[in-house]
Amino acid sequence: MPLAKINDINIHYQVSGQGDPVLFLHGLGSSLLDWEYQVPFFDRSWQVVRLDLRGHGDSDKPPGRYTMKLFASDVEQLLQHLGIAPVHLVGLSLGAMVGFQIAADKPALLRSMVIVNATPEFVPRGFGARFEIILRKSLLCLFGINVVGRLLSHRLFPDAAQQTLRDRFVQRWRRNSRRSYLSSAQAIIGWSVTDRLGQIS
């Protein structure tokens, strides 16, 4: 299991294929395994790089405050450690937000970005947005990580034919640390690079 010492923690990563590098960043509460169906296609023509963000998967889950700048710094330093920048970045949800942060802070590390299911900010506006945050935290604290995983699996994979995907999601979700998940979620709330979008080329 490849590990790199980054910002005083171990970051788990995987590299496969040859060609121009493509970096895949997973969403909140997930891991590099999210991209298992993309790897066999892309690594035929590209160098595919995946990693577990801090607090996720097989990377360390240190206590303390997580921030979007810290997530971005971990990724930036891993790319420098591997010597593969600039990269094409594909980010999902939290991973896409990390991509926005990297583009704003260290644009020279990126060739392009594909942003999936994310915006350049997470600033709750209105009762509905705030209620969703409170509900997610309450469910996690009251019922634990497994219940939240089961609920999310049905939202992400609603079709009856997707039962296998739901089961796999729940199984992987159980690996989350409640503390690290909450720290990661808290890092998103109030974050924004919207005022810097004009600097991203």
N, C-alpha and C. Protein backbone atom coordinates (compact mmCIF):
# COMPACT_ATOMS: atom_id res chain seq x y z
N MET A 1 0.85 -1.19 0.00
CA MET A 1 0.00 0.00 0.00
C MET A 1 0.89 1.24 0.00
N PRO A 2 0.97 1.98 -1.13
CA PRO A 2 1.85 3.15 -1.18
C PRO A 2 1.39 4.25 -0.23
N LEU A 3 2.31 4.74 0.58
CA LEU A 3 2.04 5.84 1.50
C LEU A 3 3.13 6.90 1.32
N ALA A 4 2.74 8.16 1.44
CA ALA A 4 3.69 9.26 1.40
C ALA A 4 3.51 10.10 2.65
N LYS A 5 4.61 10.51 3.26
CA LYS A 5 4.55 11.37 4.44
C LYS A 5 4.34 12.80 3.98
N ILE A 6 3.14 13.31 4.22
CA ILE A 6 2.75 14.63 3.76
C ILE A 6 2.18 15.41 4.94
N ASN A 7 2.69 16.59 5.20
CA ASN A 7 2.18 17.41 6.31
C ASN A 7 2.09 16.60 7.61
N ASP A 8 3.10 15.79 7.86
CA ASP A 8 3.22 15.01 9.09
C ASP A 8 2.21 13.88 9.23
N ILE A 9 1.53 13.51 8.14
CA ILE A 9 0.64 12.35 8.19
C ILE A 9 0.93 11.48 6.97
N ASN A 10 0.43 10.24 7.01
CA ASN A 10 0.57 9.32 5.88
C ASN A 10 -0.63 9.46 4.95
N ILE A 11 -0.33 9.76 3.69
CA ILE A 11 -1.37 9.83 2.67
C ILE A 11 -1.26 8.60 1.77
N HIS A 12 -2.36 7.87 1.65
CA HIS A 12 -2.41 6.68 0.80
C HIS A 12 -2.74 7.10 -0.63
N TYR A 13 -2.02 6.54 -1.59
CA TYR A 13 -2.26 6.88 -2.98
C TYR A 13 -2.03 5.66 -3.86
N GLN A 14 -2.52 5.75 -5.09
CA GLN A 14 -2.32 4.71 -6.10
C GLN A 14 -2.00 5.38 -7.43
N VAL A 15 -1.05 4.83 -8.16
CA VAL A 15 -0.69 5.33 -9.48
C VAL A 15 -0.67 4.15 -10.44
N SER A 16 -1.28 4.32 -11.62
CA SER A 16 -1.26 3.27 -12.63
C SER A 16 -1.28 3.91 -14.01
N GLY A 17 -0.82 3.16 -15.00
CA GLY A 17 -0.84 3.62 -16.38
C GLY A 17 0.30 4.56 -16.70
N GLN A 18 0.35 4.95 -17.96
CA GLN A 18 1.38 5.85 -18.46
C GLN A 18 0.75 6.89 -19.37
N GLY A 19 1.38 8.05 -19.41
CA GLY A 19 0.87 9.14 -20.24
C GLY A 19 0.72 10.40 -19.41
N ASP A 20 -0.04 11.35 -19.93
CA ASP A 20 -0.30 12.57 -19.17
C ASP A 20 -1.04 12.23 -17.88
N PRO A 21 -0.69 12.86 -16.75
CA PRO A 21 -1.30 12.49 -15.47
C PRO A 21 -2.70 13.06 -15.28
N VAL A 22 -3.59 12.21 -14.78
CA VAL A 22 -4.95 12.60 -14.41
C VAL A 22 -5.14 12.26 -12.94
N LEU A 23 -5.50 13.26 -12.16
CA LEU A 23 -5.70 13.09 -10.72
C LEU A 23 -7.18 13.02 -10.42
N PHE A 24 -7.60 11.94 -9.74
CA PHE A 24 -9.00 11.76 -9.35
C PHE A 24 -9.12 11.97 -7.84
N LEU A 25 -10.03 12.88 -7.43
CA LEU A 25 -10.25 13.17 -6.02
C LEU A 25 -11.70 12.82 -5.64
N HIS A 26 -11.82 12.02 -4.59
CA HIS A 26 -13.12 11.48 -4.17
C HIS A 26 -13.93 12.48 -3.34
N GLY A 27 -15.15 12.07 -3.02
CA GLY A 27 -16.06 12.91 -2.25
C GLY A 27 -15.97 12.66 -0.76
N LEU A 28 -16.75 13.43 -0.01
CA LEU A 28 -16.79 13.36 1.44
C LEU A 28 -17.22 11.97 1.91
N GLY A 29 -16.42 11.40 2.80
CA GLY A 29 -16.76 10.10 3.37
C GLY A 29 -16.43 8.92 2.47
N SER A 30 -15.75 9.17 1.36
CA SER A 30 -15.43 8.10 0.42
C SER A 30 -13.92 7.88 0.37
N SER A 31 -13.44 7.31 -0.71
CA SER A 31 -12.02 6.99 -0.82
C SER A 31 -11.65 6.87 -2.29
N LEU A 32 -10.40 6.56 -2.53
CA LEU A 32 -9.95 6.39 -3.92
C LEU A 32 -10.65 5.22 -4.61
N LEU A 33 -11.28 4.33 -3.84
CA LEU A 33 -12.01 3.22 -4.44
C LEU A 33 -13.21 3.69 -5.26
N ASP A 34 -13.66 4.94 -5.03
CA ASP A 34 -14.78 5.48 -5.80
C ASP A 34 -14.53 5.41 -7.31
N TRP A 35 -13.26 5.41 -7.70
CA TRP A 35 -12.91 5.53 -9.11
C TRP A 35 -12.57 4.18 -9.74
N GLU A 36 -12.95 3.09 -9.10
CA GLU A 36 -12.53 1.77 -9.58
C GLU A 36 -13.03 1.46 -10.99
N TYR A 37 -14.18 2.03 -11.39
CA TYR A 37 -14.69 1.75 -12.73
C TYR A 37 -14.04 2.64 -13.79
N GLN A 38 -13.47 3.77 -13.37
CA GLN A 38 -12.82 4.66 -14.32
C GLN A 38 -11.37 4.23 -14.62
N VAL A 39 -10.70 3.65 -13.64
CA VAL A 39 -9.27 3.34 -13.79
C VAL A 39 -8.98 2.46 -15.00
N PRO A 40 -9.70 1.33 -15.20
CA PRO A 40 -9.34 0.46 -16.33
C PRO A 40 -9.45 1.15 -17.69
N PHE A 41 -10.33 2.13 -17.79
CA PHE A 41 -10.45 2.86 -19.04
C PHE A 41 -9.33 3.89 -19.20
N PHE A 42 -9.12 4.69 -18.16
CA PHE A 42 -8.19 5.81 -18.29
C PHE A 42 -6.73 5.38 -18.27
N ASP A 43 -6.39 4.35 -17.50
CA ASP A 43 -4.96 4.04 -17.42
C ASP A 43 -4.42 3.30 -18.65
N ARG A 44 -5.26 3.11 -19.65
CA ARG A 44 -4.76 2.60 -20.93
C ARG A 44 -4.02 3.70 -21.71
N SER A 45 -4.37 4.96 -21.43
CA SER A 45 -3.79 6.07 -22.18
C SER A 45 -3.24 7.19 -21.30
N TRP A 46 -3.51 7.12 -20.00
CA TRP A 46 -3.14 8.18 -19.08
C TRP A 46 -2.45 7.59 -17.86
N GLN A 47 -1.69 8.42 -17.18
CA GLN A 47 -1.19 8.04 -15.85
C GLN A 47 -2.25 8.46 -14.85
N VAL A 48 -2.87 7.48 -14.20
CA VAL A 48 -3.98 7.74 -13.28
C VAL A 48 -3.45 7.81 -11.84
N VAL A 49 -3.75 8.90 -11.18
CA VAL A 49 -3.34 9.11 -9.80
C VAL A 49 -4.59 9.26 -8.95
N ARG A 50 -4.66 8.45 -7.90
CA ARG A 50 -5.77 8.56 -6.94
C ARG A 50 -5.17 8.62 -5.54
N LEU A 51 -5.90 9.26 -4.63
CA LEU A 51 -5.44 9.30 -3.25
C LEU A 51 -6.63 9.35 -2.31
N ASP A 52 -6.37 8.96 -1.07
CA ASP A 52 -7.36 9.13 0.00
C ASP A 52 -7.04 10.43 0.71
N LEU A 53 -7.97 11.37 0.68
CA LEU A 53 -7.77 12.61 1.41
C LEU A 53 -7.59 12.33 2.90
N ARG A 54 -6.96 13.22 3.62
CA ARG A 54 -6.79 13.02 5.06
C ARG A 54 -8.15 12.75 5.71
N GLY A 55 -8.15 11.84 6.68
CA GLY A 55 -9.40 11.49 7.34
C GLY A 55 -10.25 10.49 6.58
N HIS A 56 -9.76 10.01 5.45
CA HIS A 56 -10.53 9.11 4.60
C HIS A 56 -9.71 7.88 4.22
N GLY A 57 -10.42 6.79 3.92
CA GLY A 57 -9.79 5.59 3.39
C GLY A 57 -8.63 5.11 4.23
N ASP A 58 -7.50 4.85 3.59
CA ASP A 58 -6.32 4.34 4.28
C ASP A 58 -5.30 5.43 4.60
N SER A 59 -5.65 6.68 4.40
CA SER A 59 -4.81 7.77 4.88
C SER A 59 -5.03 7.97 6.37
N ASP A 60 -4.09 8.65 7.02
CA ASP A 60 -4.23 8.90 8.46
C ASP A 60 -5.45 9.76 8.74
N LYS A 61 -5.98 9.59 9.93
CA LYS A 61 -7.16 10.33 10.37
C LYS A 61 -6.80 11.10 11.64
N PRO A 62 -5.97 12.12 11.51
CA PRO A 62 -5.49 12.82 12.70
C PRO A 62 -6.59 13.63 13.36
N PRO A 63 -6.51 13.83 14.66
CA PRO A 63 -7.45 14.72 15.33
C PRO A 63 -7.15 16.17 14.97
N GLY A 64 -8.03 17.06 15.36
CA GLY A 64 -7.81 18.47 15.11
C GLY A 64 -8.66 19.00 13.97
N ARG A 65 -8.46 20.25 13.66
CA ARG A 65 -9.28 20.96 12.68
C ARG A 65 -8.79 20.68 11.27
N TYR A 66 -9.72 20.35 10.38
CA TYR A 66 -9.42 20.21 8.97
C TYR A 66 -9.92 21.48 8.26
N THR A 67 -9.21 21.88 7.21
CA THR A 67 -9.64 23.02 6.40
C THR A 67 -9.47 22.67 4.92
N MET A 68 -10.13 23.43 4.07
CA MET A 68 -10.00 23.19 2.65
C MET A 68 -8.57 23.47 2.19
N LYS A 69 -7.94 24.49 2.77
CA LYS A 69 -6.55 24.78 2.42
C LYS A 69 -5.63 23.63 2.84
N LEU A 70 -5.95 22.96 3.94
CA LEU A 70 -5.14 21.83 4.39
C LEU A 70 -5.32 20.64 3.45
N PHE A 71 -6.56 20.35 3.06
CA PHE A 71 -6.79 19.30 2.07
C PHE A 71 -6.00 19.60 0.79
N ALA A 72 -6.10 20.85 0.33
CA ALA A 72 -5.41 21.23 -0.90
C ALA A 72 -3.90 21.11 -0.74
N SER A 73 -3.38 21.51 0.41
CA SER A 73 -1.94 21.41 0.65
C SER A 73 -1.47 19.96 0.61
N ASP A 74 -2.27 19.05 1.18
CA ASP A 74 -1.91 17.63 1.12
C ASP A 74 -1.77 17.17 -0.32
N VAL A 75 -2.74 17.54 -1.14
CA VAL A 75 -2.71 17.12 -2.55
C VAL A 75 -1.53 17.76 -3.28
N GLU A 76 -1.34 19.05 -3.06
CA GLU A 76 -0.24 19.76 -3.71
C GLU A 76 1.10 19.11 -3.38
N GLN A 77 1.31 18.80 -2.11
CA GLN A 77 2.59 18.22 -1.71
C GLN A 77 2.76 16.80 -2.22
N LEU A 78 1.66 16.05 -2.33
CA LEU A 78 1.76 14.71 -2.90
C LEU A 78 2.17 14.79 -4.37
N LEU A 79 1.57 15.71 -5.10
CA LEU A 79 1.95 15.87 -6.51
C LEU A 79 3.42 16.23 -6.64
N GLN A 80 3.91 17.09 -5.77
CA GLN A 80 5.32 17.44 -5.80
C GLN A 80 6.19 16.25 -5.40
N HIS A 81 5.72 15.47 -4.42
CA HIS A 81 6.44 14.27 -4.00
C HIS A 81 6.58 13.28 -5.15
N LEU A 82 5.50 13.14 -5.94
CA LEU A 82 5.50 12.20 -7.06
C LEU A 82 6.16 12.81 -8.30
N GLY A 83 6.33 14.12 -8.31
CA GLY A 83 6.95 14.79 -9.44
C GLY A 83 6.15 14.72 -10.72
N ILE A 84 4.83 14.88 -10.62
CA ILE A 84 4.00 14.68 -11.81
C ILE A 84 3.16 15.89 -12.19
N ALA A 85 3.30 17.00 -11.50
CA ALA A 85 2.51 18.18 -11.86
C ALA A 85 3.09 18.81 -13.13
N PRO A 86 2.24 19.46 -13.95
CA PRO A 86 0.81 19.70 -13.75
C PRO A 86 -0.04 18.50 -14.18
N VAL A 87 -1.25 18.45 -13.63
CA VAL A 87 -2.15 17.33 -13.88
C VAL A 87 -3.50 17.83 -14.37
N HIS A 88 -4.23 16.92 -15.01
CA HIS A 88 -5.65 17.12 -15.24
C HIS A 88 -6.36 16.62 -13.98
N LEU A 89 -7.22 17.42 -13.39
CA LEU A 89 -7.88 17.06 -12.14
C LEU A 89 -9.35 16.76 -12.38
N VAL A 90 -9.80 15.62 -11.85
CA VAL A 90 -11.22 15.26 -11.87
C VAL A 90 -11.65 15.13 -10.42
N GLY A 91 -12.56 16.00 -9.99
CA GLY A 91 -12.97 15.99 -8.59
C GLY A 91 -14.46 15.81 -8.44
N LEU A 92 -14.84 15.02 -7.45
CA LEU A 92 -16.25 14.78 -7.13
C LEU A 92 -16.56 15.39 -5.77
N SER A 93 -17.54 16.29 -5.72
CA SER A 93 -18.03 16.85 -4.46
C SER A 93 -16.88 17.48 -3.66
N LEU A 94 -16.55 16.92 -2.49
CA LEU A 94 -15.44 17.46 -1.70
C LEU A 94 -14.16 17.51 -2.54
N GLY A 95 -13.89 16.48 -3.32
CA GLY A 95 -12.69 16.46 -4.14
C GLY A 95 -12.68 17.58 -5.17
N ALA A 96 -13.85 17.93 -5.70
CA ALA A 96 -13.94 19.03 -6.65
C ALA A 96 -13.70 20.36 -5.95
N MET A 97 -14.18 20.49 -4.72
CA MET A 97 -13.93 21.71 -3.96
C MET A 97 -12.44 21.87 -3.67
N VAL A 98 -11.78 20.75 -3.36
CA VAL A 98 -10.33 20.79 -3.18
C VAL A 98 -9.67 21.23 -4.49
N GLY A 99 -10.21 20.77 -5.61
CA GLY A 99 -9.70 21.19 -6.91
C GLY A 99 -9.82 22.69 -7.11
N PHE A 100 -10.97 23.26 -6.75
CA PHE A 100 -11.15 24.71 -6.83
C PHE A 100 -10.10 25.42 -5.97
N GLN A 101 -9.84 24.90 -4.77
CA GLN A 101 -8.88 25.54 -3.87
C GLN A 101 -7.48 25.51 -4.47
N ILE A 102 -7.11 24.36 -5.06
CA ILE A 102 -5.80 24.25 -5.70
C ILE A 102 -5.70 25.22 -6.88
N ALA A 103 -6.76 25.30 -7.68
CA ALA A 103 -6.75 26.20 -8.84
C ALA A 103 -6.59 27.65 -8.42
N ALA A 104 -7.18 28.00 -7.28
CA ALA A 104 -7.07 29.37 -6.79
C ALA A 104 -5.70 29.65 -6.18
N ASP A 105 -5.12 28.66 -5.49
CA ASP A 105 -3.87 28.88 -4.76
C ASP A 105 -2.63 28.53 -5.58
N LYS A 106 -2.68 27.42 -6.31
CA LYS A 106 -1.50 26.91 -7.03
C LYS A 106 -1.88 26.49 -8.46
N PRO A 107 -2.31 27.44 -9.26
CA PRO A 107 -2.81 27.08 -10.61
C PRO A 107 -1.78 26.38 -11.47
N ALA A 108 -0.49 26.58 -11.20
CA ALA A 108 0.54 25.95 -12.02
C ALA A 108 0.54 24.43 -11.89
N LEU A 109 -0.12 23.90 -10.86
CA LEU A 109 -0.17 22.45 -10.66
C LEU A 109 -1.22 21.78 -11.54
N LEU A 110 -2.09 22.57 -12.18
CA LEU A 110 -3.20 22.01 -12.94
C LEU A 110 -3.13 22.37 -14.42
N ARG A 111 -3.51 21.40 -15.26
CA ARG A 111 -3.70 21.67 -16.68
C ARG A 111 -5.17 21.97 -16.97
N SER A 112 -6.03 21.23 -16.29
CA SER A 112 -7.47 21.40 -16.49
C SER A 112 -8.19 20.83 -15.28
N MET A 113 -9.49 21.14 -15.18
CA MET A 113 -10.31 20.60 -14.10
C MET A 113 -11.64 20.11 -14.66
N VAL A 114 -12.09 18.99 -14.13
CA VAL A 114 -13.45 18.52 -14.35
C VAL A 114 -14.12 18.52 -12.98
N ILE A 115 -15.15 19.34 -12.83
CA ILE A 115 -15.82 19.51 -11.54
C ILE A 115 -17.15 18.77 -11.59
N VAL A 116 -17.33 17.83 -10.67
CA VAL A 116 -18.54 17.00 -10.64
C VAL A 116 -19.28 17.24 -9.32
N ASN A 117 -20.54 17.67 -9.41
CA ASN A 117 -21.41 17.79 -8.24
C ASN A 117 -20.80 18.70 -7.16
N ALA A 118 -20.38 19.89 -7.56
CA ALA A 118 -19.79 20.81 -6.60
C ALA A 118 -19.89 22.24 -7.11
N THR A 119 -19.72 23.19 -6.21
CA THR A 119 -19.66 24.60 -6.53
C THR A 119 -18.42 25.18 -5.87
N PRO A 120 -18.04 26.41 -6.21
CA PRO A 120 -16.84 27.00 -5.61
C PRO A 120 -17.07 27.58 -4.22
N GLU A 121 -18.17 27.22 -3.59
CA GLU A 121 -18.41 27.66 -2.22
C GLU A 121 -19.45 26.76 -1.57
N PHE A 122 -19.42 26.75 -0.24
CA PHE A 122 -20.47 26.08 0.51
C PHE A 122 -20.83 27.00 1.68
N VAL A 123 -21.61 27.99 1.33
CA VAL A 123 -22.04 28.99 2.32
C VAL A 123 -23.55 28.83 2.47
N PRO A 124 -24.00 28.20 3.56
CA PRO A 124 -25.44 27.94 3.72
C PRO A 124 -26.24 29.24 3.74
N ARG A 125 -27.19 29.31 2.84
CA ARG A 125 -28.07 30.47 2.78
C ARG A 125 -29.50 29.99 2.86
N GLY A 126 -30.22 30.51 3.80
CA GLY A 126 -31.62 30.12 3.96
C GLY A 126 -31.80 28.96 4.91
N PHE A 127 -33.03 28.79 5.34
CA PHE A 127 -33.34 27.77 6.35
C PHE A 127 -33.09 26.36 5.84
N GLY A 128 -33.45 26.09 4.58
CA GLY A 128 -33.32 24.74 4.05
C GLY A 128 -31.89 24.24 4.06
N ALA A 129 -30.97 25.08 3.64
CA ALA A 129 -29.56 24.67 3.61
C ALA A 129 -29.02 24.44 5.02
N ARG A 130 -29.38 25.33 5.94
CA ARG A 130 -28.91 25.17 7.32
C ARG A 130 -29.53 23.93 7.97
N PHE A 131 -30.80 23.68 7.65
CA PHE A 131 -31.48 22.51 8.23
C PHE A 131 -30.83 21.21 7.75
N GLU A 132 -30.42 21.16 6.49
CA GLU A 132 -29.77 19.96 5.95
C GLU A 132 -28.48 19.65 6.70
N ILE A 133 -27.72 20.68 7.03
CA ILE A 133 -26.48 20.50 7.79
C ILE A 133 -26.78 19.99 9.19
N ILE A 134 -27.74 20.61 9.85
CA ILE A 134 -28.10 20.20 11.20
C ILE A 134 -28.61 18.78 11.21
N LEU A 135 -29.44 18.43 10.21
CA LEU A 135 -29.99 17.08 10.13
C LEU A 135 -28.89 16.04 9.97
N ARG A 136 -27.94 16.30 9.07
CA ARG A 136 -26.86 15.34 8.82
C ARG A 136 -26.02 15.14 10.09
N LYS A 137 -25.69 16.23 10.76
CA LYS A 137 -24.90 16.12 12.00
C LYS A 137 -25.68 15.39 13.09
N SER A 138 -26.97 15.70 13.19
CA SER A 138 -27.79 15.07 14.23
C SER A 138 -27.91 13.57 14.00
N LEU A 139 -28.15 13.17 12.75
CA LEU A 139 -28.24 11.74 12.45
C LEU A 139 -26.94 11.03 12.78
N LEU A 140 -25.83 11.66 12.45
CA LEU A 140 -24.52 11.06 12.71
C LEU A 140 -24.27 10.90 14.21
N CYS A 141 -24.59 11.93 14.97
CA CYS A 141 -24.34 11.89 16.42
C CYS A 141 -25.31 10.97 17.14
N LEU A 142 -26.55 10.93 16.68
CA LEU A 142 -27.56 10.13 17.38
C LEU A 142 -27.52 8.65 16.98
N PHE A 143 -27.31 8.38 15.69
CA PHE A 143 -27.46 7.01 15.20
C PHE A 143 -26.16 6.39 14.68
N GLY A 144 -25.13 7.19 14.48
CA GLY A 144 -23.85 6.64 14.08
C GLY A 144 -23.63 6.63 12.58
N ILE A 145 -22.42 6.29 12.22
CA ILE A 145 -21.97 6.36 10.83
C ILE A 145 -22.71 5.37 9.94
N ASN A 146 -23.09 4.20 10.47
CA ASN A 146 -23.73 3.18 9.64
C ASN A 146 -25.10 3.60 9.14
N VAL A 147 -25.89 4.24 10.03
CA VAL A 147 -27.23 4.69 9.64
C VAL A 147 -27.14 5.75 8.56
N VAL A 148 -26.23 6.70 8.73
CA VAL A 148 -26.05 7.74 7.71
C VAL A 148 -25.65 7.11 6.38
N GLY A 149 -24.78 6.12 6.42
CA GLY A 149 -24.37 5.44 5.20
C GLY A 149 -25.52 4.78 4.47
N ARG A 150 -26.39 4.11 5.24
CA ARG A 150 -27.54 3.45 4.61
C ARG A 150 -28.48 4.48 3.97
N LEU A 151 -28.71 5.59 4.67
CA LEU A 151 -29.59 6.63 4.12
C LEU A 151 -29.00 7.23 2.85
N LEU A 152 -27.71 7.51 2.89
CA LEU A 152 -27.05 8.09 1.72
C LEU A 152 -27.04 7.12 0.53
N SER A 153 -26.91 5.83 0.82
CA SER A 153 -26.85 4.85 -0.27
C SER A 153 -28.12 4.87 -1.11
N HIS A 154 -29.25 5.09 -0.47
CA HIS A 154 -30.52 5.13 -1.20
C HIS A 154 -30.68 6.44 -1.97
N ARG A 155 -30.08 7.51 -1.46
CA ARG A 155 -30.13 8.78 -2.19
C ARG A 155 -29.22 8.74 -3.41
N LEU A 156 -28.06 8.10 -3.27
CA LEU A 156 -27.10 8.05 -4.37
C LEU A 156 -27.47 7.01 -5.41
N PHE A 157 -28.04 5.91 -4.97
CA PHE A 157 -28.37 4.79 -5.87
C PHE A 157 -29.84 4.39 -5.64
N PRO A 158 -30.78 5.18 -6.17
CA PRO A 158 -32.20 4.97 -5.85
C PRO A 158 -32.88 3.82 -6.59
N ASP A 159 -32.30 3.36 -7.69
CA ASP A 159 -32.97 2.34 -8.50
C ASP A 159 -32.83 0.95 -7.88
N ALA A 160 -33.85 0.14 -8.05
CA ALA A 160 -33.83 -1.22 -7.50
C ALA A 160 -32.66 -2.03 -8.07
N ALA A 161 -32.32 -1.77 -9.31
CA ALA A 161 -31.23 -2.51 -9.96
C ALA A 161 -29.86 -2.15 -9.41
N GLN A 162 -29.80 -1.13 -8.57
CA GLN A 162 -28.51 -0.66 -8.04
C GLN A 162 -28.21 -1.20 -6.64
N GLN A 163 -28.86 -2.28 -6.26
CA GLN A 163 -28.67 -2.83 -4.92
C GLN A 163 -27.20 -3.19 -4.65
N THR A 164 -26.53 -3.75 -5.65
CA THR A 164 -25.12 -4.12 -5.47
C THR A 164 -24.28 -2.89 -5.16
N LEU A 165 -24.56 -1.78 -5.85
CA LEU A 165 -23.83 -0.54 -5.60
C LEU A 165 -24.15 0.00 -4.21
N ARG A 166 -25.41 -0.10 -3.79
CA ARG A 166 -25.77 0.34 -2.44
C ARG A 166 -25.04 -0.46 -1.39
N ASP A 167 -25.01 -1.78 -1.55
CA ASP A 167 -24.35 -2.64 -0.58
C ASP A 167 -22.85 -2.33 -0.50
N ARG A 168 -22.23 -2.11 -1.66
CA ARG A 168 -20.80 -1.80 -1.67
C ARG A 168 -20.55 -0.45 -1.00
N PHE A 169 -21.41 0.52 -1.28
CA PHE A 169 -21.26 1.84 -0.67
C PHE A 169 -21.34 1.75 0.84
N VAL A 170 -22.34 1.03 1.35
CA VAL A 170 -22.54 0.91 2.81
C VAL A 170 -21.34 0.23 3.45
N GLN A 171 -20.84 -0.83 2.80
CA GLN A 171 -19.69 -1.56 3.34
C GLN A 171 -18.47 -0.65 3.45
N ARG A 172 -18.23 0.16 2.44
CA ARG A 172 -17.07 1.05 2.47
C ARG A 172 -17.31 2.22 3.43
N TRP A 173 -18.53 2.68 3.50
CA TRP A 173 -18.86 3.82 4.36
C TRP A 173 -18.58 3.51 5.83
N ARG A 174 -18.75 2.25 6.20
CA ARG A 174 -18.53 1.85 7.60
C ARG A 174 -17.10 2.11 8.07
N ARG A 175 -16.17 2.25 7.15
CA ARG A 175 -14.78 2.47 7.52
C ARG A 175 -14.54 3.89 8.01
N ASN A 176 -15.51 4.77 7.82
CA ASN A 176 -15.33 6.16 8.23
C ASN A 176 -15.23 6.28 9.74
N SER A 177 -14.36 7.17 10.17
CA SER A 177 -14.32 7.60 11.56
C SER A 177 -15.30 8.75 11.72
N ARG A 178 -16.17 8.66 12.73
CA ARG A 178 -17.15 9.72 12.92
C ARG A 178 -16.46 11.06 13.16
N ARG A 179 -15.39 11.05 13.94
CA ARG A 179 -14.66 12.28 14.25
C ARG A 179 -14.08 12.89 12.98
N SER A 180 -13.42 12.06 12.16
CA SER A 180 -12.80 12.57 10.94
C SER A 180 -13.83 13.02 9.93
N TYR A 181 -14.96 12.31 9.87
CA TYR A 181 -16.02 12.70 8.95
C TYR A 181 -16.56 14.08 9.33
N LEU A 182 -16.81 14.27 10.62
CA LEU A 182 -17.32 15.57 11.08
C LEU A 182 -16.30 16.67 10.83
N SER A 183 -15.03 16.38 11.06
CA SER A 183 -13.99 17.38 10.82
C SER A 183 -13.93 17.75 9.34
N SER A 184 -14.09 16.75 8.48
CA SER A 184 -14.05 17.01 7.03
C SER A 184 -15.28 17.81 6.60
N ALA A 185 -16.44 17.45 7.13
CA ALA A 185 -17.66 18.18 6.79
C ALA A 185 -17.58 19.62 7.27
N GLN A 186 -17.03 19.81 8.45
CA GLN A 186 -16.92 21.16 9.01
C GLN A 186 -16.00 22.03 8.17
N ALA A 187 -15.01 21.42 7.54
CA ALA A 187 -14.07 22.18 6.70
C ALA A 187 -14.77 22.82 5.50
N ILE A 188 -15.86 22.21 5.07
CA ILE A 188 -16.58 22.71 3.90
C ILE A 188 -17.45 23.91 4.25
N ILE A 189 -18.05 23.89 5.43
CA ILE A 189 -19.07 24.88 5.79
C ILE A 189 -18.45 26.27 5.89
N GLY A 190 -18.98 27.17 5.11
CA GLY A 190 -18.50 28.54 5.09
C GLY A 190 -17.35 28.79 4.12
N TRP A 191 -16.85 27.73 3.48
CA TRP A 191 -15.72 27.85 2.55
C TRP A 191 -16.17 28.47 1.23
N SER A 192 -15.30 29.27 0.64
CA SER A 192 -15.63 29.87 -0.66
C SER A 192 -14.36 30.35 -1.36
N VAL A 193 -14.30 30.13 -2.66
CA VAL A 193 -13.30 30.77 -3.52
C VAL A 193 -14.00 31.49 -4.67
N THR A 194 -15.29 31.77 -4.50
CA THR A 194 -16.07 32.38 -5.57
C THR A 194 -15.46 33.69 -6.03
N ASP A 195 -14.96 34.48 -5.12
CA ASP A 195 -14.41 35.78 -5.49
C ASP A 195 -13.09 35.67 -6.25
N ARG A 196 -12.56 34.44 -6.37
CA ARG A 196 -11.29 34.25 -7.08
C ARG A 196 -11.46 33.48 -8.38
N LEU A 197 -12.69 33.20 -8.76
CA LEU A 197 -12.93 32.42 -9.98
C LEU A 197 -12.35 33.10 -11.21
N GLY A 198 -12.39 34.41 -11.23
CA GLY A 198 -11.88 35.14 -12.38
C GLY A 198 -10.38 34.97 -12.61
N GLN A 199 -9.68 34.48 -11.58
CA GLN A 199 -8.23 34.27 -11.70
C GLN A 199 -7.90 32.89 -12.29
N ILE A 200 -8.91 32.02 -12.38
CA ILE A 200 -8.68 30.65 -12.84
C ILE A 200 -8.83 30.60 -14.36
N SER A 201 -7.76 30.23 -15.04
CA SER A 201 -7.78 30.21 -16.51
C SER A 201 -7.91 28.80 -17.07
